[in-house]
Amino acid sequence: MKNMKHSVLRKQNISRMCFVCGEKNAFGLHARFFETDDNQLVAIINPTEEHQGYPGRMHGGIATTILDETIARSICTGKKEQLWGVTLELKTRFLKPVPLGQDLKVIGRVTSEGTRTFEGSGEILLPGGEVAVSAQGKYIKLAIDKIASSDFLDDQWFYSEDPDDPSEIDLP
């Protein structure tokens, strides 16, 4: 399968202490989330030995966590309002071991959307582009102020610019 370059349209906010995206969480994944021109959300992570299950492999629960977060955030792709997806159900399928110490792409997308809920799917891609883990989920849509306090919004939820952020992302 040939990879295609997709333009990054927007980078999503991160927080200070979230396990998935928190820049100050010493044991977190430090994921960065990018909305692409094909209406997908791509997270970039580099799991470390703190994220392992078996030696040299990412723990399955952590693989599920990053997929859940990426699919849940995909509801914001292309939208100005700060909606969040709160998980109602998630089904994960493990196909290949996920290595540590390598940049990995996690893709999420909305597959159907109603007024209160949406469904989405996602994959963790290995460096060669093969799918290691896939997931499908159902989420309820909530405004960020229904989930988090105003203190969180004022002090913990922010845009973080990095000169190494990609302007394009290669995807299969």
Foldseek 3Di string as FASTA:
>chain_A
DFWDKWFFPDKFKAWQDDQACHPPPPLHFNWTWTQTPVLKIKIKGAAAPSQPDPPFFGDPVVVQVNQVQRQQCSVCRPHDFAKGWDFPDKDKDFDATHGHGDIKMKMKHWPADDPFKTKIKIFIAHPVQDGGMIMITMTTIDGPVVPDPVCCVVHTIGDDDDPPDDRIDIHD
